[in-house]
Amino acid sequence: MQKPRAAPDFQIIAGFPPDQRDRVAALYWQAFGRKLRPVLAPRAMAHRFLNIALRPDHAISAVRPDGRVLGVVGFCSADGALVYDHGLALLQTYGARSARWRVKVLRHLLRDEAPAPDAFQMDGLFVDPAARGFGIGSQLLQAFADEGRRRGYRIARLEVANTNARACQLYARHDYLAVQTAGIGGLRWLFGYRSTTTMELVL
């Protein structure tokens, strides 16, 4: 009989430790690589891009006492997001010719626009697969809502792909309601999902 896993000891902090940037990039790719692979692959280059583009000032993390990151929730603001790039990081990673089309596709996919003034927008939530099942995602989701309240927002908002049923269930358990579903058009053949659902929580 397999022994039950011991719950990890962790705390929720603003940002993430500087020496954990590479790990956060790896966890981000593990969570969203399937979605972003058509634009950011190969993996080594995607990892390099993420290392450049990650913004710790737009992150809330679950970390062990030794500083190892177990999960992160990112958020948007008027001056950025967890993974924020207007082409410089792509240019540094892929070169001018290759970066040009990647910028266009990513901006279309991520709807690169200013966040709504009354909504605190999430920019991804991900947890180390080995640490799932211990409430880390729930605590990060609560911390995201708390940060939105602290900043004076009225609504917490996120978007989830139609293929990510597990995430939808997590958000629904925390009282997020689906308010809109939008298709991604022809990009569905490239990215492997048809639509995203916007979910909101009144803060």
N, C-alpha and C. Protein backbone atom coordinates (compact mmCIF):
# COMPACT_ATOMS: atom_id res chain seq x y z
N MET A 1 0.84 -1.19 0.00
CA MET A 1 0.00 0.00 0.00
C MET A 1 0.89 1.25 0.00
N GLN A 2 0.52 2.18 -0.88
CA GLN A 2 1.29 3.41 -0.99
C GLN A 2 1.01 4.33 0.20
N LYS A 3 2.09 4.88 0.77
CA LYS A 3 1.93 5.79 1.89
C LYS A 3 1.32 7.10 1.42
N PRO A 4 0.45 7.69 2.24
CA PRO A 4 -0.10 9.00 1.87
C PRO A 4 1.00 10.05 1.85
N ARG A 5 0.91 10.98 0.93
CA ARG A 5 1.91 12.03 0.83
C ARG A 5 1.76 13.00 2.01
N ALA A 6 2.88 13.46 2.49
CA ALA A 6 2.87 14.45 3.56
C ALA A 6 2.59 15.82 2.97
N ALA A 7 1.73 16.57 3.61
CA ALA A 7 1.42 17.91 3.14
C ALA A 7 2.65 18.80 3.27
N PRO A 8 2.98 19.55 2.23
CA PRO A 8 4.16 20.42 2.31
C PRO A 8 3.91 21.62 3.22
N ASP A 9 4.96 22.06 3.88
CA ASP A 9 4.90 23.28 4.69
C ASP A 9 5.18 24.44 3.75
N PHE A 10 4.28 25.42 3.69
CA PHE A 10 4.50 26.54 2.78
C PHE A 10 3.83 27.79 3.34
N GLN A 11 4.22 28.92 2.77
CA GLN A 11 3.58 30.20 3.09
C GLN A 11 3.34 30.95 1.79
N ILE A 12 2.39 31.87 1.82
CA ILE A 12 2.07 32.69 0.67
C ILE A 12 2.83 34.02 0.79
N ILE A 13 3.56 34.39 -0.26
CA ILE A 13 4.34 35.62 -0.23
C ILE A 13 4.09 36.44 -1.50
N ALA A 14 4.38 37.72 -1.43
CA ALA A 14 4.35 38.56 -2.62
C ALA A 14 5.59 38.30 -3.45
N GLY A 15 5.44 38.23 -4.76
CA GLY A 15 6.57 37.99 -5.65
C GLY A 15 7.06 36.56 -5.57
N PHE A 16 8.32 36.36 -5.95
CA PHE A 16 8.98 35.07 -5.76
C PHE A 16 10.47 35.33 -5.56
N PRO A 17 11.18 34.44 -4.83
CA PRO A 17 12.60 34.66 -4.55
C PRO A 17 13.40 34.77 -5.85
N PRO A 18 14.38 35.67 -5.91
CA PRO A 18 15.17 35.85 -7.14
C PRO A 18 15.81 34.56 -7.66
N ASP A 19 16.24 33.70 -6.74
CA ASP A 19 16.90 32.47 -7.20
C ASP A 19 15.91 31.42 -7.69
N GLN A 20 14.61 31.75 -7.67
CA GLN A 20 13.58 30.81 -8.13
C GLN A 20 13.04 31.17 -9.53
N ARG A 21 13.63 32.16 -10.17
CA ARG A 21 13.13 32.58 -11.49
C ARG A 21 13.13 31.43 -12.48
N ASP A 22 14.21 30.67 -12.51
CA ASP A 22 14.30 29.56 -13.45
C ASP A 22 13.24 28.51 -13.15
N ARG A 23 13.01 28.25 -11.87
CA ARG A 23 11.98 27.27 -11.50
C ARG A 23 10.59 27.77 -11.85
N VAL A 24 10.30 29.04 -11.62
CA VAL A 24 8.99 29.58 -11.96
C VAL A 24 8.77 29.48 -13.47
N ALA A 25 9.80 29.77 -14.26
CA ALA A 25 9.70 29.63 -15.71
C ALA A 25 9.37 28.19 -16.09
N ALA A 26 10.02 27.22 -15.42
CA ALA A 26 9.77 25.81 -15.72
C ALA A 26 8.36 25.40 -15.33
N LEU A 27 7.88 25.86 -14.18
CA LEU A 27 6.52 25.53 -13.75
C LEU A 27 5.48 26.17 -14.68
N TYR A 28 5.76 27.40 -15.11
CA TYR A 28 4.85 28.08 -16.03
C TYR A 28 4.74 27.30 -17.33
N TRP A 29 5.89 26.88 -17.86
CA TRP A 29 5.88 26.13 -19.12
C TRP A 29 5.20 24.78 -18.94
N GLN A 30 5.40 24.16 -17.80
CA GLN A 30 4.74 22.89 -17.52
C GLN A 30 3.22 23.04 -17.55
N ALA A 31 2.74 24.18 -17.04
CA ALA A 31 1.30 24.41 -16.98
C ALA A 31 0.73 24.87 -18.31
N PHE A 32 1.45 25.73 -19.02
CA PHE A 32 0.88 26.37 -20.21
C PHE A 32 1.62 26.05 -21.50
N GLY A 33 2.60 25.17 -21.43
CA GLY A 33 3.40 24.85 -22.61
C GLY A 33 2.59 24.27 -23.75
N ARG A 34 1.61 23.45 -23.43
CA ARG A 34 0.80 22.86 -24.50
C ARG A 34 0.07 23.94 -25.28
N LYS A 35 -0.40 24.95 -24.57
CA LYS A 35 -1.11 26.06 -25.20
C LYS A 35 -0.16 26.95 -26.00
N LEU A 36 1.02 27.22 -25.43
CA LEU A 36 1.92 28.20 -26.02
C LEU A 36 3.00 27.60 -26.92
N ARG A 37 3.09 26.28 -26.98
CA ARG A 37 4.14 25.63 -27.76
C ARG A 37 4.19 26.09 -29.21
N PRO A 38 3.04 26.26 -29.90
CA PRO A 38 3.12 26.68 -31.30
C PRO A 38 3.81 28.02 -31.51
N VAL A 39 3.82 28.88 -30.49
CA VAL A 39 4.43 30.20 -30.63
C VAL A 39 5.83 30.26 -30.02
N LEU A 40 6.04 29.56 -28.91
CA LEU A 40 7.28 29.73 -28.16
C LEU A 40 8.27 28.57 -28.28
N ALA A 41 7.85 27.43 -28.84
CA ALA A 41 8.77 26.29 -28.97
C ALA A 41 9.95 26.67 -29.88
N PRO A 42 11.09 26.01 -29.70
CA PRO A 42 11.34 24.84 -28.86
C PRO A 42 11.42 25.19 -27.37
N ARG A 43 11.37 24.16 -26.54
CA ARG A 43 11.25 24.35 -25.10
C ARG A 43 12.39 25.18 -24.54
N ALA A 44 13.61 24.93 -24.98
CA ALA A 44 14.76 25.65 -24.43
C ALA A 44 14.63 27.15 -24.69
N MET A 45 14.16 27.52 -25.87
CA MET A 45 14.00 28.94 -26.19
C MET A 45 12.81 29.53 -25.44
N ALA A 46 11.74 28.75 -25.29
CA ALA A 46 10.59 29.21 -24.51
C ALA A 46 11.03 29.50 -23.08
N HIS A 47 11.85 28.62 -22.55
CA HIS A 47 12.33 28.79 -21.17
C HIS A 47 13.18 30.05 -21.05
N ARG A 48 14.00 30.30 -22.05
CA ARG A 48 14.82 31.52 -22.04
C ARG A 48 13.93 32.76 -22.11
N PHE A 49 12.93 32.73 -22.98
CA PHE A 49 12.00 33.86 -23.09
C PHE A 49 11.31 34.13 -21.76
N LEU A 50 10.81 33.08 -21.11
CA LEU A 50 10.10 33.25 -19.85
C LEU A 50 11.01 33.80 -18.77
N ASN A 51 12.25 33.37 -18.75
CA ASN A 51 13.20 33.90 -17.77
C ASN A 51 13.38 35.40 -17.91
N ILE A 52 13.32 35.89 -19.15
CA ILE A 52 13.46 37.32 -19.39
C ILE A 52 12.16 38.06 -19.07
N ALA A 53 11.02 37.48 -19.46
CA ALA A 53 9.74 38.19 -19.41
C ALA A 53 9.03 38.14 -18.06
N LEU A 54 9.38 37.21 -17.18
CA LEU A 54 8.69 37.09 -15.89
C LEU A 54 8.85 38.33 -15.04
N ARG A 55 7.74 38.77 -14.43
CA ARG A 55 7.72 39.95 -13.57
C ARG A 55 7.34 39.54 -12.15
N PRO A 56 8.30 39.44 -11.23
CA PRO A 56 7.95 39.04 -9.85
C PRO A 56 7.04 40.03 -9.14
N ASP A 57 7.04 41.31 -9.57
CA ASP A 57 6.17 42.28 -8.94
C ASP A 57 4.71 42.11 -9.34
N HIS A 58 4.45 41.15 -10.22
CA HIS A 58 3.08 40.81 -10.62
C HIS A 58 2.79 39.34 -10.29
N ALA A 59 3.36 38.88 -9.18
CA ALA A 59 3.21 37.48 -8.78
C ALA A 59 2.93 37.37 -7.29
N ILE A 60 2.20 36.33 -6.93
CA ILE A 60 2.01 35.89 -5.55
C ILE A 60 2.38 34.41 -5.55
N SER A 61 3.20 34.00 -4.61
CA SER A 61 3.74 32.64 -4.65
C SER A 61 3.50 31.87 -3.36
N ALA A 62 3.44 30.56 -3.51
CA ALA A 62 3.47 29.63 -2.39
C ALA A 62 4.88 29.06 -2.33
N VAL A 63 5.57 29.28 -1.21
CA VAL A 63 6.96 28.84 -1.11
C VAL A 63 7.17 28.02 0.16
N ARG A 64 8.06 27.06 0.05
CA ARG A 64 8.47 26.27 1.21
C ARG A 64 9.39 27.10 2.10
N PRO A 65 9.66 26.65 3.33
CA PRO A 65 10.57 27.39 4.21
C PRO A 65 11.95 27.60 3.61
N ASP A 66 12.40 26.69 2.73
CA ASP A 66 13.71 26.86 2.09
C ASP A 66 13.66 27.78 0.87
N GLY A 67 12.47 28.36 0.57
CA GLY A 67 12.33 29.28 -0.54
C GLY A 67 11.90 28.67 -1.85
N ARG A 68 11.80 27.35 -1.90
CA ARG A 68 11.43 26.69 -3.16
C ARG A 68 9.97 26.98 -3.49
N VAL A 69 9.73 27.45 -4.69
CA VAL A 69 8.38 27.80 -5.11
C VAL A 69 7.57 26.55 -5.44
N LEU A 70 6.35 26.49 -4.87
CA LEU A 70 5.44 25.39 -5.15
C LEU A 70 4.31 25.79 -6.09
N GLY A 71 4.03 27.07 -6.17
CA GLY A 71 2.96 27.53 -7.05
C GLY A 71 2.95 29.04 -7.13
N VAL A 72 2.32 29.56 -8.17
CA VAL A 72 2.29 31.01 -8.41
C VAL A 72 0.94 31.38 -9.00
N VAL A 73 0.43 32.54 -8.60
CA VAL A 73 -0.67 33.17 -9.32
C VAL A 73 -0.16 34.53 -9.78
N GLY A 74 -0.37 34.82 -11.06
CA GLY A 74 0.04 36.10 -11.61
C GLY A 74 -1.14 37.02 -11.78
N PHE A 75 -0.87 38.31 -11.88
CA PHE A 75 -1.95 39.27 -12.08
C PHE A 75 -1.48 40.38 -13.01
N CYS A 76 -2.44 41.12 -13.54
CA CYS A 76 -2.18 42.22 -14.45
C CYS A 76 -2.36 43.55 -13.74
N SER A 77 -1.69 44.56 -14.25
CA SER A 77 -1.89 45.93 -13.80
C SER A 77 -1.76 46.84 -15.00
N ALA A 78 -1.86 48.13 -14.78
CA ALA A 78 -1.75 49.07 -15.89
C ALA A 78 -0.37 49.07 -16.51
N ASP A 79 0.64 48.57 -15.79
CA ASP A 79 2.00 48.59 -16.35
C ASP A 79 2.62 47.21 -16.50
N GLY A 80 1.79 46.18 -16.59
CA GLY A 80 2.39 44.88 -16.85
C GLY A 80 1.55 43.70 -16.41
N ALA A 81 2.22 42.55 -16.37
CA ALA A 81 1.59 41.29 -15.99
C ALA A 81 2.69 40.33 -15.58
N LEU A 82 2.33 39.15 -15.15
CA LEU A 82 3.34 38.16 -14.73
C LEU A 82 4.32 37.88 -15.86
N VAL A 83 3.80 37.58 -17.05
CA VAL A 83 4.64 37.41 -18.23
C VAL A 83 4.32 38.58 -19.15
N TYR A 84 5.25 39.52 -19.22
CA TYR A 84 4.95 40.79 -19.88
C TYR A 84 6.05 41.12 -20.89
N ASP A 85 5.65 41.29 -22.14
CA ASP A 85 6.62 41.58 -23.17
C ASP A 85 5.93 42.23 -24.36
N HIS A 86 6.48 43.33 -24.83
CA HIS A 86 5.98 43.95 -26.05
C HIS A 86 6.94 43.71 -27.21
N GLY A 87 7.69 42.64 -27.12
CA GLY A 87 8.55 42.25 -28.22
C GLY A 87 10.02 42.17 -27.87
N LEU A 88 10.47 42.87 -26.81
CA LEU A 88 11.90 42.88 -26.50
C LEU A 88 12.41 41.50 -26.09
N ALA A 89 11.69 40.84 -25.18
CA ALA A 89 12.13 39.51 -24.75
C ALA A 89 12.06 38.52 -25.91
N LEU A 90 11.03 38.64 -26.74
CA LEU A 90 10.94 37.78 -27.93
C LEU A 90 12.09 38.06 -28.88
N LEU A 91 12.42 39.33 -29.06
CA LEU A 91 13.52 39.71 -29.94
C LEU A 91 14.83 39.15 -29.42
N GLN A 92 15.07 39.28 -28.12
CA GLN A 92 16.31 38.78 -27.53
C GLN A 92 16.41 37.26 -27.64
N THR A 93 15.26 36.60 -27.61
CA THR A 93 15.26 35.14 -27.61
C THR A 93 15.30 34.55 -29.00
N TYR A 94 14.48 35.09 -29.91
CA TYR A 94 14.27 34.44 -31.21
C TYR A 94 14.88 35.17 -32.40
N GLY A 95 15.33 36.41 -32.20
CA GLY A 95 15.86 37.18 -33.31
C GLY A 95 14.75 37.95 -34.02
N ALA A 96 15.14 38.98 -34.76
CA ALA A 96 14.18 39.91 -35.35
C ALA A 96 13.17 39.25 -36.27
N ARG A 97 13.60 38.44 -37.19
CA ARG A 97 12.69 37.86 -38.18
C ARG A 97 11.68 36.92 -37.51
N SER A 98 12.14 36.09 -36.62
CA SER A 98 11.27 35.11 -35.97
C SER A 98 10.38 35.75 -34.91
N ALA A 99 10.88 36.81 -34.27
CA ALA A 99 10.09 37.44 -33.21
C ALA A 99 8.87 38.16 -33.76
N ARG A 100 8.96 38.67 -34.99
CA ARG A 100 7.89 39.52 -35.53
C ARG A 100 6.55 38.80 -35.56
N TRP A 101 6.51 37.59 -36.10
CA TRP A 101 5.22 36.88 -36.19
C TRP A 101 4.77 36.38 -34.82
N ARG A 102 5.72 36.07 -33.96
CA ARG A 102 5.35 35.60 -32.62
C ARG A 102 4.66 36.71 -31.83
N VAL A 103 5.15 37.94 -31.95
CA VAL A 103 4.52 39.08 -31.28
C VAL A 103 3.08 39.22 -31.74
N LYS A 104 2.85 39.15 -33.05
CA LYS A 104 1.50 39.34 -33.58
C LYS A 104 0.55 38.26 -33.08
N VAL A 105 0.98 37.01 -33.10
CA VAL A 105 0.11 35.92 -32.68
C VAL A 105 -0.18 36.00 -31.18
N LEU A 106 0.84 36.27 -30.38
CA LEU A 106 0.64 36.34 -28.94
C LEU A 106 -0.29 37.49 -28.56
N ARG A 107 -0.15 38.62 -29.22
CA ARG A 107 -1.02 39.75 -28.90
C ARG A 107 -2.46 39.44 -29.24
N HIS A 108 -2.66 38.73 -30.34
CA HIS A 108 -4.03 38.35 -30.70
C HIS A 108 -4.57 37.32 -29.71
N LEU A 109 -3.75 36.34 -29.38
CA LEU A 109 -4.18 35.28 -28.47
C LEU A 109 -4.49 35.81 -27.08
N LEU A 110 -3.63 36.69 -26.57
CA LEU A 110 -3.77 37.18 -25.20
C LEU A 110 -4.58 38.46 -25.12
N ARG A 111 -5.10 38.90 -26.27
CA ARG A 111 -5.90 40.14 -26.30
C ARG A 111 -5.16 41.26 -25.58
N ASP A 112 -4.02 41.60 -26.10
CA ASP A 112 -3.12 42.57 -25.46
C ASP A 112 -3.78 43.95 -25.38
N GLU A 113 -4.39 44.24 -24.26
CA GLU A 113 -5.08 45.50 -24.07
C GLU A 113 -5.05 45.89 -22.61
N ALA A 114 -5.35 47.15 -22.32
CA ALA A 114 -5.35 47.61 -20.94
C ALA A 114 -6.43 46.88 -20.14
N PRO A 115 -6.13 46.49 -18.90
CA PRO A 115 -7.15 45.81 -18.09
C PRO A 115 -8.31 46.74 -17.78
N ALA A 116 -9.50 46.14 -17.57
CA ALA A 116 -10.68 46.93 -17.21
C ALA A 116 -10.42 47.64 -15.89
N PRO A 117 -10.84 48.88 -15.77
CA PRO A 117 -10.50 49.66 -14.56
C PRO A 117 -11.11 49.11 -13.28
N ASP A 118 -12.22 48.36 -13.37
CA ASP A 118 -12.86 47.86 -12.15
C ASP A 118 -12.55 46.40 -11.87
N ALA A 119 -11.71 45.77 -12.70
CA ALA A 119 -11.48 44.33 -12.57
C ALA A 119 -10.00 44.03 -12.34
N PHE A 120 -9.72 43.17 -11.37
CA PHE A 120 -8.37 42.68 -11.10
C PHE A 120 -8.19 41.41 -11.91
N GLN A 121 -7.34 41.47 -12.93
CA GLN A 121 -7.23 40.40 -13.92
C GLN A 121 -6.11 39.44 -13.56
N MET A 122 -6.43 38.15 -13.53
CA MET A 122 -5.42 37.13 -13.30
C MET A 122 -4.57 36.93 -14.55
N ASP A 123 -3.30 36.59 -14.33
CA ASP A 123 -2.40 36.23 -15.43
C ASP A 123 -1.78 34.86 -15.14
N GLY A 124 -2.64 33.86 -14.98
CA GLY A 124 -2.18 32.50 -14.81
C GLY A 124 -2.05 32.06 -13.37
N LEU A 125 -2.46 30.83 -13.09
CA LEU A 125 -2.28 30.18 -11.79
C LEU A 125 -1.75 28.78 -12.06
N PHE A 126 -0.66 28.42 -11.40
CA PHE A 126 -0.06 27.11 -11.64
C PHE A 126 0.62 26.60 -10.37
N VAL A 127 0.55 25.28 -10.20
CA VAL A 127 1.10 24.62 -9.02
C VAL A 127 1.94 23.44 -9.48
N ASP A 128 3.06 23.24 -8.82
CA ASP A 128 3.91 22.08 -9.08
C ASP A 128 3.05 20.82 -9.00
N PRO A 129 3.02 19.98 -10.05
CA PRO A 129 2.19 18.77 -10.01
C PRO A 129 2.45 17.90 -8.78
N ALA A 130 3.69 17.87 -8.31
CA ALA A 130 4.02 17.04 -7.14
C ALA A 130 3.42 17.61 -5.86
N ALA A 131 2.97 18.86 -5.88
CA ALA A 131 2.41 19.50 -4.68
C ALA A 131 0.91 19.72 -4.79
N ARG A 132 0.28 19.16 -5.79
CA ARG A 132 -1.16 19.35 -5.95
C ARG A 132 -1.92 18.48 -4.95
N GLY A 133 -3.12 18.93 -4.62
CA GLY A 133 -3.96 18.17 -3.71
C GLY A 133 -3.85 18.60 -2.27
N PHE A 134 -3.08 19.66 -2.00
CA PHE A 134 -2.90 20.12 -0.62
C PHE A 134 -3.46 21.53 -0.40
N GLY A 135 -4.27 22.01 -1.33
CA GLY A 135 -4.90 23.30 -1.15
C GLY A 135 -4.06 24.50 -1.56
N ILE A 136 -2.93 24.27 -2.23
CA ILE A 136 -2.07 25.39 -2.61
C ILE A 136 -2.77 26.28 -3.63
N GLY A 137 -3.41 25.66 -4.63
CA GLY A 137 -4.15 26.45 -5.62
C GLY A 137 -5.24 27.28 -4.98
N SER A 138 -5.95 26.70 -4.04
CA SER A 138 -7.02 27.43 -3.35
C SER A 138 -6.47 28.62 -2.56
N GLN A 139 -5.34 28.42 -1.88
CA GLN A 139 -4.77 29.52 -1.11
C GLN A 139 -4.24 30.63 -2.02
N LEU A 140 -3.67 30.24 -3.16
CA LEU A 140 -3.22 31.26 -4.11
C LEU A 140 -4.41 32.02 -4.69
N LEU A 141 -5.49 31.32 -4.95
CA LEU A 141 -6.69 31.97 -5.48
C LEU A 141 -7.25 32.95 -4.45
N GLN A 142 -7.23 32.56 -3.17
CA GLN A 142 -7.69 33.46 -2.12
C GLN A 142 -6.78 34.68 -2.00
N ALA A 143 -5.47 34.44 -2.13
CA ALA A 143 -4.52 35.54 -2.05
C ALA A 143 -4.70 36.52 -3.21
N PHE A 144 -5.04 35.98 -4.37
CA PHE A 144 -5.31 36.83 -5.54
C PHE A 144 -6.51 37.74 -5.27
N ALA A 145 -7.58 37.17 -4.73
CA ALA A 145 -8.77 37.97 -4.40
C ALA A 145 -8.45 39.00 -3.33
N ASP A 146 -7.68 38.61 -2.33
CA ASP A 146 -7.31 39.53 -1.26
C ASP A 146 -6.50 40.70 -1.81
N GLU A 147 -5.60 40.41 -2.74
CA GLU A 147 -4.79 41.48 -3.34
C GLU A 147 -5.66 42.42 -4.15
N GLY A 148 -6.65 41.87 -4.85
CA GLY A 148 -7.57 42.71 -5.59
C GLY A 148 -8.34 43.65 -4.68
N ARG A 149 -8.80 43.14 -3.54
CA ARG A 149 -9.50 43.99 -2.57
C ARG A 149 -8.57 45.06 -2.03
N ARG A 150 -7.34 44.67 -1.74
CA ARG A 150 -6.38 45.63 -1.19
C ARG A 150 -6.13 46.78 -2.15
N ARG A 151 -6.17 46.48 -3.44
CA ARG A 151 -5.94 47.50 -4.47
C ARG A 151 -7.21 48.27 -4.82
N GLY A 152 -8.32 47.91 -4.21
CA GLY A 152 -9.55 48.67 -4.42
C GLY A 152 -10.39 48.24 -5.60
N TYR A 153 -10.15 47.02 -6.12
CA TYR A 153 -10.95 46.54 -7.25
C TYR A 153 -12.31 46.02 -6.78
N ARG A 154 -13.25 46.06 -7.67
CA ARG A 154 -14.61 45.59 -7.38
C ARG A 154 -14.81 44.14 -7.79
N ILE A 155 -14.03 43.68 -8.79
CA ILE A 155 -14.21 42.36 -9.36
C ILE A 155 -12.85 41.70 -9.54
N ALA A 156 -12.78 40.39 -9.28
CA ALA A 156 -11.63 39.57 -9.67
C ALA A 156 -12.03 38.83 -10.94
N ARG A 157 -11.16 38.82 -11.93
CA ARG A 157 -11.51 38.25 -13.23
C ARG A 157 -10.40 37.34 -13.74
N LEU A 158 -10.78 36.29 -14.42
CA LEU A 158 -9.82 35.38 -15.02
C LEU A 158 -10.41 34.79 -16.29
N GLU A 159 -9.56 34.20 -17.10
CA GLU A 159 -10.00 33.51 -18.30
C GLU A 159 -9.44 32.10 -18.29
N VAL A 160 -10.24 31.15 -18.72
CA VAL A 160 -9.82 29.76 -18.71
C VAL A 160 -10.23 29.10 -20.02
N ALA A 161 -9.33 28.30 -20.58
CA ALA A 161 -9.60 27.61 -21.85
C ALA A 161 -10.67 26.55 -21.66
N ASN A 162 -11.44 26.29 -22.71
CA ASN A 162 -12.53 25.33 -22.61
C ASN A 162 -12.03 23.91 -22.35
N THR A 163 -10.76 23.65 -22.60
CA THR A 163 -10.20 22.32 -22.37
C THR A 163 -9.71 22.11 -20.93
N ASN A 164 -9.72 23.15 -20.12
CA ASN A 164 -9.15 23.06 -18.77
C ASN A 164 -10.26 22.89 -17.73
N ALA A 165 -10.88 21.72 -17.74
CA ALA A 165 -12.01 21.47 -16.84
C ALA A 165 -11.59 21.52 -15.37
N ARG A 166 -10.39 21.06 -15.06
CA ARG A 166 -9.93 21.06 -13.67
C ARG A 166 -9.87 22.47 -13.10
N ALA A 167 -9.34 23.40 -13.89
CA ALA A 167 -9.27 24.79 -13.43
C ALA A 167 -10.67 25.38 -13.27
N CYS A 168 -11.55 25.09 -14.23
CA CYS A 168 -12.92 25.60 -14.14
C CYS A 168 -13.58 25.15 -12.84
N GLN A 169 -13.36 23.90 -12.46
CA GLN A 169 -13.95 23.37 -11.24
C GLN A 169 -13.38 24.06 -10.00
N LEU A 170 -12.08 24.32 -10.01
CA LEU A 170 -11.46 25.03 -8.89
C LEU A 170 -12.06 26.42 -8.74
N TYR A 171 -12.17 27.14 -9.84
CA TYR A 171 -12.69 28.51 -9.77
C TYR A 171 -14.16 28.51 -9.34
N ALA A 172 -14.92 27.57 -9.85
CA ALA A 172 -16.35 27.50 -9.48
C ALA A 172 -16.50 27.21 -7.99
N ARG A 173 -15.63 26.37 -7.42
CA ARG A 173 -15.70 26.08 -5.99
C ARG A 173 -15.43 27.33 -5.16
N HIS A 174 -14.74 28.28 -5.74
CA HIS A 174 -14.43 29.52 -5.03
C HIS A 174 -15.36 30.66 -5.47
N ASP A 175 -16.52 30.27 -6.00
CA ASP A 175 -17.62 31.21 -6.30
C ASP A 175 -17.38 32.11 -7.50
N TYR A 176 -16.44 31.76 -8.37
CA TYR A 176 -16.31 32.47 -9.63
C TYR A 176 -17.43 32.02 -10.56
N LEU A 177 -18.04 32.96 -11.24
CA LEU A 177 -19.14 32.67 -12.15
C LEU A 177 -18.73 32.98 -13.58
N ALA A 178 -19.13 32.11 -14.50
CA ALA A 178 -18.86 32.35 -15.92
C ALA A 178 -19.75 33.48 -16.41
N VAL A 179 -19.14 34.47 -17.06
CA VAL A 179 -19.91 35.62 -17.55
C VAL A 179 -19.87 35.75 -19.06
N GLN A 180 -18.90 35.11 -19.70
CA GLN A 180 -18.78 35.24 -21.15
C GLN A 180 -17.88 34.15 -21.70
N THR A 181 -18.21 33.65 -22.87
CA THR A 181 -17.35 32.71 -23.59
C THR A 181 -17.06 33.28 -24.96
N ALA A 182 -15.79 33.28 -25.33
CA ALA A 182 -15.38 33.85 -26.62
C ALA A 182 -14.51 32.84 -27.36
N GLY A 183 -14.83 32.62 -28.62
CA GLY A 183 -14.02 31.74 -29.45
C GLY A 183 -12.73 32.42 -29.88
N ILE A 184 -11.74 31.61 -30.26
CA ILE A 184 -10.46 32.18 -30.71
C ILE A 184 -10.31 32.04 -32.22
N GLY A 185 -11.40 31.70 -32.90
CA GLY A 185 -11.39 31.64 -34.36
C GLY A 185 -10.45 30.59 -34.90
N GLY A 186 -9.78 30.95 -35.99
CA GLY A 186 -8.89 30.00 -36.66
C GLY A 186 -7.70 29.58 -35.84
N LEU A 187 -7.38 30.34 -34.80
CA LEU A 187 -6.25 29.96 -33.94
C LEU A 187 -6.51 28.66 -33.19
N ARG A 188 -7.76 28.19 -33.18
CA ARG A 188 -8.05 26.94 -32.48
C ARG A 188 -7.28 25.77 -33.08
N TRP A 189 -7.01 25.83 -34.37
CA TRP A 189 -6.27 24.74 -35.02
C TRP A 189 -4.81 24.77 -34.62
N LEU A 190 -4.33 25.93 -34.24
CA LEU A 190 -2.94 26.07 -33.83
C LEU A 190 -2.74 25.74 -32.36
N PHE A 191 -3.67 26.19 -31.51
CA PHE A 191 -3.47 26.09 -30.07
C PHE A 191 -4.23 24.94 -29.40
N GLY A 192 -5.16 24.31 -30.11
CA GLY A 192 -5.78 23.11 -29.58
C GLY A 192 -6.96 23.32 -28.65
N TYR A 193 -7.49 24.52 -28.59
CA TYR A 193 -8.72 24.74 -27.84
C TYR A 193 -9.58 25.75 -28.62
N ARG A 194 -10.88 25.73 -28.38
CA ARG A 194 -11.81 26.50 -29.20
C ARG A 194 -12.16 27.86 -28.63
N SER A 195 -12.18 27.97 -27.29
CA SER A 195 -12.71 29.19 -26.69
C SER A 195 -12.14 29.37 -25.29
N THR A 196 -12.33 30.59 -24.78
CA THR A 196 -12.00 30.87 -23.39
C THR A 196 -13.25 31.41 -22.70
N THR A 197 -13.38 31.05 -21.45
CA THR A 197 -14.51 31.54 -20.65
C THR A 197 -13.99 32.53 -19.63
N THR A 198 -14.63 33.69 -19.58
CA THR A 198 -14.31 34.69 -18.57
C THR A 198 -15.13 34.39 -17.33
N MET A 199 -14.47 34.32 -16.18
CA MET A 199 -15.12 34.07 -14.91
C MET A 199 -14.81 35.22 -13.96
N GLU A 200 -15.79 35.58 -13.15
CA GLU A 200 -15.64 36.72 -12.25
C GLU A 200 -16.12 36.41 -10.84
N LEU A 201 -15.51 37.09 -9.91
CA LEU A 201 -15.88 37.03 -8.50
C LEU A 201 -16.07 38.46 -8.00
N VAL A 202 -17.22 38.76 -7.40
CA VAL A 202 -17.42 40.07 -6.82
C VAL A 202 -16.64 40.13 -5.50
N LEU A 203 -15.80 41.14 -5.37
CA LEU A 203 -14.93 41.26 -4.20
C LEU A 203 -15.59 42.05 -3.08
